[in-house]
Protein backbone atom coordinates (compact mmCIF):
# COMPACT_ATOMS: atom_id res chain seq x y z
CA MET A 1 0.00 0.00 0.00
CA GLY A 2 2.87 2.37 0.82
CA GLN A 3 4.26 2.02 -2.69
CA THR A 4 0.91 2.78 -4.26
CA MET A 5 0.48 5.91 -2.19
CA GLU A 6 3.94 7.14 -3.16
CA SER A 7 3.12 6.67 -6.83
CA GLU A 8 -0.26 8.35 -6.51
CA ASP A 9 1.26 11.25 -4.56
CA PHE A 10 3.80 11.94 -7.30
CA GLY A 11 1.23 12.30 -10.07
CA ALA A 12 -1.11 14.23 -7.80
CA VAL A 13 1.59 16.74 -6.84
CA ILE A 14 2.47 17.36 -10.49
CA ARG A 15 -1.21 17.72 -11.44
CA GLY A 16 -1.98 20.04 -8.52
CA ALA A 17 1.08 22.23 -9.03
CA ARG A 18 0.34 22.50 -12.74
CA GLY A 19 -3.19 23.61 -11.96
CA SER A 20 -1.93 26.19 -9.48
CA ALA A 21 0.50 27.50 -12.10
CA ARG A 22 -2.36 27.67 -14.62
CA LEU A 23 -0.46 25.61 -17.15
CA THR A 24 -1.96 23.16 -19.59
CA GLN A 25 -0.31 19.78 -20.05
CA ALA A 26 1.00 20.98 -23.40
CA GLN A 27 2.50 24.13 -21.86
CA LEU A 28 4.22 22.20 -19.09
CA GLY A 29 5.46 19.67 -21.62
CA THR A 30 6.95 22.41 -23.79
CA ARG A 31 8.91 23.75 -20.83
CA CYS A 32 10.18 20.33 -19.79
CA GLY A 33 10.78 18.61 -23.11
CA TYR A 34 7.76 16.31 -22.98
CA SER A 35 4.66 15.98 -25.12
CA ALA A 36 1.24 16.69 -23.63
CA SER A 37 0.43 12.98 -23.65
CA ALA A 38 3.66 12.23 -21.76
CA ILE A 39 2.68 14.77 -19.08
CA SER A 40 -0.69 13.04 -18.88
CA ARG A 41 1.03 9.71 -18.27
CA ILE A 42 3.31 11.27 -15.64
CA GLU A 43 0.28 12.66 -13.82
CA SER A 44 -1.39 9.24 -13.93
CA ASN A 45 1.85 7.58 -12.73
CA LYS A 46 2.36 5.60 -15.92
CA LEU A 47 5.61 7.39 -16.78
CA ARG A 48 8.32 8.47 -14.34
CA PRO A 49 11.00 11.07 -15.13
CA ASP A 50 14.45 10.47 -13.69
CA CYS A 51 15.86 12.31 -10.66
CA SER A 52 17.40 15.25 -12.52
CA ALA A 53 14.26 15.72 -14.60
CA VAL A 54 12.19 15.75 -11.40
CA VAL A 55 14.22 18.71 -10.14
CA ARG A 56 13.80 20.59 -13.41
CA MET A 57 10.09 19.91 -13.47
CA ALA A 58 9.82 21.35 -9.98
CA GLU A 59 11.54 24.50 -11.24
CA ALA A 60 9.05 24.75 -14.10
CA LEU A 61 6.15 24.41 -11.67
CA GLY A 62 7.62 26.79 -9.10
CA ILE A 63 7.66 24.29 -6.24
CA PRO A 64 10.50 23.01 -4.02
CA PRO A 65 12.22 19.97 -5.57
CA GLU A 66 11.90 18.18 -2.24
CA ARG A 67 8.14 17.93 -2.73
CA LEU A 68 8.68 15.79 -5.80
CA ARG A 69 11.76 13.94 -4.64
CA GLY A 70 9.88 12.88 -1.55
CA SER A 71 7.16 11.31 -3.66
CA ALA A 72 9.65 9.70 -6.02
CA GLY A 73 11.55 7.69 -3.49
CA PRO A 74 13.35 4.39 -3.89
CA ASN A 75 10.27 2.31 -3.01
CA ARG A 76 8.16 3.56 -5.89
CA PRO A 77 6.63 0.93 -8.17
CA ALA A 78 8.35 -0.01 -11.41
CA VAL A 79 6.96 2.19 -14.16
CA ALA A 80 8.22 3.28 -17.55
CA THR A 81 11.08 5.73 -17.03
CA VAL A 82 12.48 8.22 -19.51
CA ALA A 83 15.60 10.17 -18.64
CA VAL A 84 14.43 13.57 -19.77
CA GLY A 85 15.81 16.79 -18.38
CA TRP A 86 15.38 20.48 -18.92
CA PRO A 87 18.21 22.96 -18.60
CA MET A 88 17.31 25.84 -16.29
CA ASP A 89 17.54 29.41 -17.46
CA GLU A 90 17.45 32.80 -15.83
CA GLU A 91 16.54 36.04 -17.56
CA ASP A 92 17.74 38.07 -14.64
CA ALA A 93 21.52 38.31 -14.30
CA VAL A 94 21.53 38.12 -10.50
CA ARG A 95 19.38 35.02 -10.40
CA ARG A 96 21.48 33.47 -13.16
CA ARG A 97 24.60 33.91 -11.03
CA GLU A 98 22.80 32.24 -8.13
CA LEU A 99 22.02 29.31 -10.38
CA LEU A 100 25.59 29.03 -11.60
CA THR A 101 27.20 29.18 -8.17
CA GLY A 102 24.49 27.48 -6.14
CA ALA A 103 22.32 24.84 -7.75
CA LEU A 104 24.98 23.73 -10.20
CA ALA A 105 27.68 23.42 -7.57
CA ALA A 106 25.55 20.73 -5.96
CA GLY A 107 24.23 19.39 -9.25
CA ALA A 108 26.37 16.29 -9.65
CA THR A 109 25.43 14.95 -6.21
CA SER A 110 22.11 16.31 -4.99
CA ILE A 111 20.46 16.86 -8.38
CA VAL A 112 21.84 14.12 -10.56
CA GLY A 113 21.98 11.80 -7.59
CA VAL A 114 24.92 9.70 -8.78
CA GLY A 115 28.66 10.06 -8.59
CA THR A 116 30.70 11.01 -11.62
CA ALA A 117 32.04 7.51 -12.15
CA SER A 118 28.66 5.81 -11.96
CA ALA A 119 27.07 8.51 -14.11
CA ALA A 120 29.70 8.02 -16.78
CA ALA A 121 29.09 4.30 -16.63
CA SER A 122 25.39 4.94 -17.27
CA GLY A 123 26.21 6.09 -20.81
CA ARG A 124 25.50 9.81 -20.36
CA PRO A 125 28.28 11.62 -22.26
CA ALA A 126 27.83 14.85 -20.29
CA ALA A 127 27.96 13.10 -16.91
CA GLY A 128 30.33 14.82 -14.53
CA LEU A 129 30.62 18.08 -16.48
CA GLU A 130 29.12 19.97 -13.56
CA ASP A 131 32.00 18.85 -11.34
CA VAL A 132 34.60 19.48 -14.04
CA LEU A 133 33.44 23.04 -14.67
CA PHE A 134 33.85 23.96 -11.01
CA ARG A 135 37.17 22.15 -10.64
CA LEU A 136 39.08 21.95 -13.89
CA PRO A 137 41.88 19.37 -14.07
CA ALA A 138 45.35 20.75 -13.40
CA ALA A 139 47.13 21.34 -16.70
CA GLU A 140 50.20 23.02 -18.12
CA PRO A 141 50.14 25.57 -20.95
CA VAL A 142 50.61 24.11 -24.42
CA PRO A 143 51.60 25.71 -27.73
CA LEU A 144 48.70 27.51 -29.34
CA SER A 145 49.03 25.43 -32.49
CA LEU A 146 48.60 22.22 -30.47
CA LEU A 147 45.68 23.67 -28.53
CA THR A 148 43.99 24.68 -31.77
CA THR A 149 44.49 21.20 -33.19
CA ARG A 150 43.05 19.54 -30.09
CA THR A 151 40.00 21.81 -30.21
CA ALA A 152 39.49 21.02 -33.90
CA LEU A 153 39.58 17.30 -33.09
CA ALA A 154 36.98 17.83 -30.36
CA ARG A 155 34.79 19.66 -32.83
CA ARG A 156 35.19 16.78 -35.26
CA ALA A 157 33.98 14.38 -32.58
CA PHE A 158 30.91 16.56 -32.03
CA ARG A 159 30.07 16.74 -35.72
CA ALA A 160 30.44 12.97 -35.96
CA ALA A 161 28.08 12.62 -32.97
CA ARG A 162 30.75 10.77 -30.98
CA TYR A 163 29.52 12.29 -27.76
CA THR A 164 31.16 9.79 -25.41
CA ASP A 165 34.57 10.55 -26.96
CA LEU A 166 33.87 14.26 -26.66
CA GLY A 167 32.85 13.91 -23.02
CA HIS A 168 36.16 12.21 -22.28
CA THR A 169 38.13 14.84 -24.19
CA LEU A 170 36.61 18.03 -22.84
CA PRO A 171 37.96 18.09 -19.24
CA GLY A 172 41.59 17.91 -20.35
CA LEU A 173 40.99 20.30 -23.23
CA LEU A 174 39.37 22.90 -20.99
CA GLY A 175 42.16 22.62 -18.40
CA ALA A 176 44.86 23.07 -21.06
CA ALA A 177 42.99 25.93 -22.72
CA GLU A 178 42.54 27.80 -19.43
CA ALA A 179 46.20 27.31 -18.51
CA THR A 180 47.38 28.43 -21.96
CA ARG A 181 45.19 31.52 -21.89
CA ASP A 182 46.34 32.45 -18.38
CA ALA A 183 50.01 32.15 -19.33
CA ALA A 184 49.70 34.19 -22.54
CA THR A 185 49.91 37.93 -23.08
CA GLY A 186 49.00 40.36 -25.84
CA ARG A 187 47.75 38.94 -29.12
CA ALA A 188 48.63 35.40 -28.03
CA ARG A 189 46.25 35.80 -25.10
CA GLN A 190 43.47 36.97 -27.42
CA HIS A 191 44.07 33.97 -29.68
CA ALA A 192 44.04 31.61 -26.68
CA SER A 193 40.82 33.22 -25.46
CA ALA A 194 39.17 32.50 -28.83
CA VAL A 195 40.23 28.84 -28.66
CA LEU A 196 39.05 28.63 -25.04
CA ALA A 197 35.68 30.08 -26.09
CA ARG A 198 35.31 27.39 -28.72
CA ALA A 199 36.13 24.67 -26.19
CA TYR A 200 33.45 26.01 -23.87
CA VAL A 201 30.99 26.29 -26.78
CA LEU A 202 31.51 22.58 -27.46
CA THR A 203 30.97 21.87 -23.77
CA ALA A 204 27.72 23.83 -23.79
CA GLU A 205 26.61 22.07 -26.99
CA LEU A 206 27.17 18.64 -25.45
CA ALA A 207 25.54 19.60 -22.15
CA ALA A 208 22.49 21.04 -23.93
CA LYS A 209 22.05 17.86 -25.96
CA GLN A 210 22.07 15.84 -22.75
CA HIS A 211 19.82 18.35 -20.92
CA SER A 212 22.57 18.92 -18.36
CA GLU A 213 22.64 21.95 -16.06
CA ALA A 214 26.29 22.37 -17.07
CA ALA A 215 25.12 24.09 -20.26
CA TRP A 216 24.53 27.32 -18.33
CA VAL A 217 28.03 27.48 -16.88
CA ALA A 218 29.75 26.50 -20.11
CA ALA A 219 27.80 28.99 -22.22
CA ASP A 220 28.46 31.80 -19.75
CA ARG A 221 32.19 31.08 -19.75
CA ALA A 222 32.23 30.72 -23.52
CA LEU A 223 30.83 34.21 -23.95
CA SER A 224 33.26 35.72 -21.42
CA ALA A 225 36.24 34.15 -23.20
CA ALA A 226 34.87 35.12 -26.60
CA ARG A 227 34.52 38.76 -25.61
CA ALA A 228 38.08 38.73 -24.26
CA SER A 229 39.29 37.49 -27.65
CA GLY A 230 38.01 40.60 -29.38
CA THR A 231 36.90 38.44 -32.31
CA PRO A 232 33.28 38.64 -33.50
CA VAL A 233 32.86 35.05 -34.71
CA PRO A 234 33.49 33.37 -31.31
CA VAL A 235 31.21 35.96 -29.70
CA GLY A 236 28.43 34.99 -32.10
CA GLU A 237 28.95 31.27 -31.54
CA ALA A 238 28.96 31.70 -27.75
CA SER A 239 25.90 33.96 -27.83
CA ARG A 240 24.03 31.28 -29.71
CA VAL A 241 24.61 28.53 -27.15
CA LEU A 242 23.79 30.91 -24.31
CA ALA A 243 20.51 31.84 -26.01
CA ILE A 244 19.62 28.16 -26.38
CA THR A 245 19.87 27.69 -22.61
CA MET A 246 17.67 30.74 -22.14
CA ARG A 247 15.04 29.53 -24.57
CA ARG A 248 14.79 26.05 -23.11
CA SER A 249 13.25 27.29 -19.88
CA GLY A 250 10.77 29.60 -21.56
CA ARG A 251 12.82 32.81 -21.71
CA TRP A 252 12.31 32.94 -25.44
CA ALA A 253 11.92 36.71 -25.64
CA SER A 254 15.30 37.27 -23.97
CA ALA A 255 16.85 34.69 -26.27
CA VAL A 256 15.49 36.44 -29.35
CA HIS A 257 16.70 39.80 -28.06
CA LEU A 258 20.23 38.48 -27.41
CA LEU A 259 20.46 36.75 -30.78
CA THR A 260 19.14 39.61 -32.90
CA ARG A 261 21.31 42.13 -31.04
CA GLU A 262 24.45 40.06 -31.62
CA ALA A 263 23.45 39.45 -35.24
CA ALA A 264 23.10 43.19 -35.81
CA ASP A 265 26.65 43.70 -34.56
CA LEU A 266 28.12 41.32 -37.15
CA ASP A 267 29.32 42.55 -40.52
CA SER A 268 27.02 41.04 -43.14
CA GLY A 269 29.50 41.99 -45.86
CA GLU A 270 32.20 39.55 -44.73
CA GLU A 271 31.52 35.90 -45.56
CA ARG A 272 32.38 34.30 -42.23
CA THR A 273 30.64 36.83 -40.01
CA ALA A 274 27.65 36.80 -42.38
CA ALA A 275 27.45 33.03 -41.96
CA VAL A 276 27.50 33.33 -38.16
CA ARG A 277 24.85 36.05 -38.40
CA ALA A 278 22.65 33.64 -40.36
CA THR A 279 23.01 30.93 -37.69
CA LEU A 280 22.07 33.43 -34.98
CA LEU A 281 18.91 34.40 -36.84
CA LEU A 282 17.97 30.74 -37.39
CA THR A 283 18.19 30.16 -33.65
CA ALA A 284 16.24 33.37 -33.06
CA ALA A 285 13.49 32.11 -35.39
CA TYR A 286 13.17 28.88 -33.41
CA SER A 287 13.18 30.85 -30.15
CA ALA A 288 10.41 33.14 -31.40
CA ALA A 289 8.38 30.10 -32.42
CA SER A 290 8.87 28.66 -28.92
CA GLY A 291 7.08 31.74 -27.62
CA GLY A 292 4.26 31.37 -30.14
CA ASN A 293 5.31 34.38 -32.21
CA ARG A 294 4.61 33.01 -35.68
CA SER A 295 5.07 36.22 -37.61
CA ALA A 296 8.49 36.95 -36.08
CA ALA A 297 9.68 33.37 -36.51
CA LEU A 298 8.73 33.17 -40.18
CA ALA A 299 10.08 36.65 -40.92
CA LEU A 300 13.46 35.70 -39.44
CA LEU A 301 13.53 32.50 -41.51
CA ASP A 302 12.71 34.45 -44.67
CA GLU A 303 15.50 36.91 -43.91
CA VAL A 304 18.05 34.12 -43.46
CA GLU A 305 16.84 32.37 -46.62
CA GLY A 306 17.56 35.49 -48.62
CA ASP A 307 21.01 35.81 -47.05
CA VAL A 308 22.19 32.22 -47.56
CA GLU A 309 21.42 32.32 -51.27
CA ARG A 310 24.28 34.83 -51.58
CA LEU A 311 26.74 32.97 -49.33
CA PRO A 312 29.20 30.27 -50.31
CA GLU A 313 29.32 27.32 -47.91
CA VAL A 314 31.41 28.31 -44.90
CA SER A 315 32.87 25.56 -42.71
CA GLY A 316 33.95 25.86 -39.10
CA LEU A 317 30.65 26.63 -37.39
CA PHE A 318 29.76 24.35 -34.53
CA THR A 319 26.29 22.98 -35.16
CA VAL A 320 24.63 25.02 -37.87
CA GLU A 321 25.92 25.95 -41.29
CA ALA A 322 24.55 28.82 -43.31
CA THR A 323 22.99 26.77 -46.12
CA ARG A 324 19.58 26.47 -47.72
CA ALA A 325 19.23 22.95 -46.30
CA GLN A 326 19.77 24.29 -42.77
CA VAL A 327 17.07 26.90 -43.31
CA ASP A 328 14.68 24.16 -44.45
CA VAL A 329 15.44 22.03 -41.39
CA TYR A 330 14.84 24.99 -39.11
CA ARG A 331 11.63 25.82 -40.92
CA ILE A 332 10.34 22.30 -40.29
CA GLY A 333 11.28 22.65 -36.62
CA VAL A 334 9.64 26.07 -36.36
CA LEU A 335 6.42 24.80 -37.92
CA ASN A 336 6.43 21.86 -35.48
CA VAL A 337 6.75 24.21 -32.52
CA LEU A 338 4.05 26.52 -33.88
CA GLY A 339 1.64 23.60 -34.05
CA THR A 340 1.36 23.51 -37.84
CA PRO A 341 3.49 20.48 -38.75
CA ASP A 342 1.39 19.83 -41.86
CA GLU A 343 3.02 22.88 -43.43
CA GLY A 344 6.39 21.18 -43.14
CA VAL A 345 5.51 18.05 -45.12
CA ARG A 346 6.23 19.64 -48.49
CA ILE A 347 9.53 21.05 -47.21
CA ALA A 348 10.59 17.67 -45.82
CA ALA A 349 9.77 16.00 -49.14
CA GLY A 350 12.22 18.27 -50.95
CA LEU A 351 14.99 18.01 -48.35
CA ASN A 352 17.93 15.79 -49.31
CA ILE A 353 19.23 14.96 -45.86
CA GLY A 354 21.89 12.59 -47.19
CA PHE A 355 23.82 15.53 -48.67
CA MET A 356 24.06 17.41 -45.37
CA SER A 357 27.55 17.93 -44.05
CA SER A 358 27.86 15.82 -40.90
CA PRO A 359 26.22 12.93 -39.02
CA GLU A 360 25.17 15.33 -36.26
CA ARG A 361 23.41 17.63 -38.73
CA ARG A 362 21.78 14.76 -40.61
CA ALA A 363 20.57 13.26 -37.34
CA ARG A 364 19.11 16.64 -36.35
CA ALA A 365 17.24 16.87 -39.65
CA TRP A 366 15.77 13.38 -39.20
CA THR A 367 14.84 14.30 -35.62
CA ASP A 368 12.78 17.29 -36.75
CA THR A 369 11.21 15.11 -39.43
CA ALA A 370 10.31 12.49 -36.79
CA ARG A 371 8.70 15.17 -34.65
CA MET A 372 6.72 16.39 -37.63
CA TRP A 373 5.30 12.93 -38.41
CA HIS A 374 4.64 12.27 -34.72
CA ALA A 375 2.64 15.50 -34.43
CA LEU A 376 0.66 14.41 -37.49
CA GLY A 377 -0.11 11.06 -35.85
CA ASP A 378 1.85 8.93 -38.32
CA GLY A 379 3.62 6.43 -36.07
CA ARG A 380 5.23 4.41 -38.84
CA ARG A 381 6.84 7.41 -40.51
CA THR A 382 7.91 8.70 -37.11
CA PHE A 383 9.65 5.42 -36.39
CA ALA A 384 11.22 5.35 -39.85
CA ALA A 385 12.73 8.80 -39.18
CA LEU A 386 13.99 7.67 -35.78
CA ARG A 387 15.66 4.69 -37.42
CA HIS A 388 17.44 7.13 -39.75
CA VAL A 389 18.64 9.07 -36.70
CA GLU A 390 20.09 5.86 -35.30
CA GLN A 391 21.77 4.99 -38.60
CA GLU A 392 23.40 8.41 -38.84
CA ALA A 393 24.37 8.82 -35.19
CA PRO A 394 23.71 6.00 -32.70
CA GLN A 395 24.55 8.20 -29.72
CA GLU A 396 22.18 10.92 -30.89
CA VAL A 397 19.13 8.67 -30.63
CA ARG A 398 19.95 8.04 -26.95
CA ARG A 399 19.58 11.73 -26.10
CA PRO A 400 16.88 12.42 -23.47
CA ALA A 401 14.60 14.20 -25.95
CA LEU A 402 14.79 11.35 -28.46
CA ARG A 403 14.20 8.74 -25.78
CA ALA A 404 11.13 10.71 -24.68
CA LEU A 405 9.83 10.77 -28.25
CA THR A 406 10.44 7.03 -28.58
CA SER A 407 8.61 6.36 -25.32
CA ASP A 408 5.71 8.56 -26.39
CA LEU A 409 5.46 6.62 -29.65
CA LEU A 410 5.73 3.30 -27.83
CA TYR A 411 2.75 4.08 -25.60
CA GLY A 412 0.73 5.64 -28.39
CA PRO A 413 -2.31 4.06 -30.08
CA ALA A 414 -0.51 2.73 -33.17
CA ARG A 415 1.32 -0.58 -33.11
CA VAL A 416 4.65 -0.26 -34.92
CA ASP A 417 6.72 -3.33 -35.74
CA GLY A 418 10.22 -3.21 -34.25
CA LEU A 419 9.53 -0.21 -32.03
CA ARG A 420 9.80 -2.05 -28.70
CA GLU A 421 13.17 -3.52 -29.62
CA PHE A 422 14.32 -0.06 -30.74
CA ALA A 423 13.15 1.44 -27.43
CA VAL A 424 15.12 -1.13 -25.45
CA ARG A 425 18.20 -0.68 -27.63
CA THR A 426 18.18 3.11 -27.27
CA GLY A 427 17.43 3.19 -23.55
CA ALA A 428 13.86 4.48 -23.77
CA LEU A 429 12.57 1.25 -22.24
CA ALA A 430 14.22 -0.96 -19.66
CA ALA A 431 15.24 -4.37 -21.00
């Protein structure tokens, strides 16, 4: 009986807090990375988020995490579990500093609830980044050419969606980059700051993909280092990852403001800065859509589409290239968020994902396509797109958001051959 009460209490607390916050299931799901139907299953105790997701859900609902942790204790019944998290964000600078120095300092133990070693063993590539960011490994300065090469190799691992390799590489890279920057002076220090910014951008990218709280710290440090470099491209790249952390907790307006302001500061007449400007506006379009601002989102996409037609392909950006294909992928994602996925079907039909530049980008395109078909209620096409994600980037399909989508499909009305085996293989369902 005690176990049943614990399970019932958990769903009841979520349902009651959501009602008090005057949020629909869809609105709460948007803030936490779940679908409305997944929130419904959580409230009926048919789906259980993991410990870190519980804390983030409490933040979304404006209640103490202890209220939910107490009802999600070790004696709860065995229910379907999806490891979905939601990176926190603060619009206010003071509160953001409190988050960075307070909640995150305790994140690896009290929030995540497992030690670094056991978390790494669980297959989460970003496990332990919270600890690393507050206590970087001791390192000696290295030649700038070597540091640049090591950062380029880390970026290559990200683009290949080798997230476990990247997670192992980043602590040493960050320690060496910090030490090299601190030992340098003059122009060498500016150069080292630019490389350090890129290392922190990669850290924020990985943490955001894994819904880790470390994204906030890494993005903040990336922007500080980028500004110290005096180089506009790293500033744009760092601003983008910082805006993503802002958007993911509902601060979409602040994200759009940051992105459009930084985009306006970039020289659209120079190819590389123009390409970064385009990526900032793409992210701004998605952020505007997250806030329900259809006209702003579509206007930003149209502006970028006009720009990229005049740009040659520019390599070196972290996750988004300024190409027509990237605009199309973002347009599909924007239409999904705006609740009009049917408008993306024609775009998806004309998108040649196989020609996109990296496994990470191709996996992202298939992810947005899967979300489109899922929103349209086509389970078989959703699963087919998820299978493409797995073929392009096996570690990508194990991300919390993709596991949540897989679980949502698994418990949906349509029976899809092979889906259960896929869910077990990707960690969305316990074996």
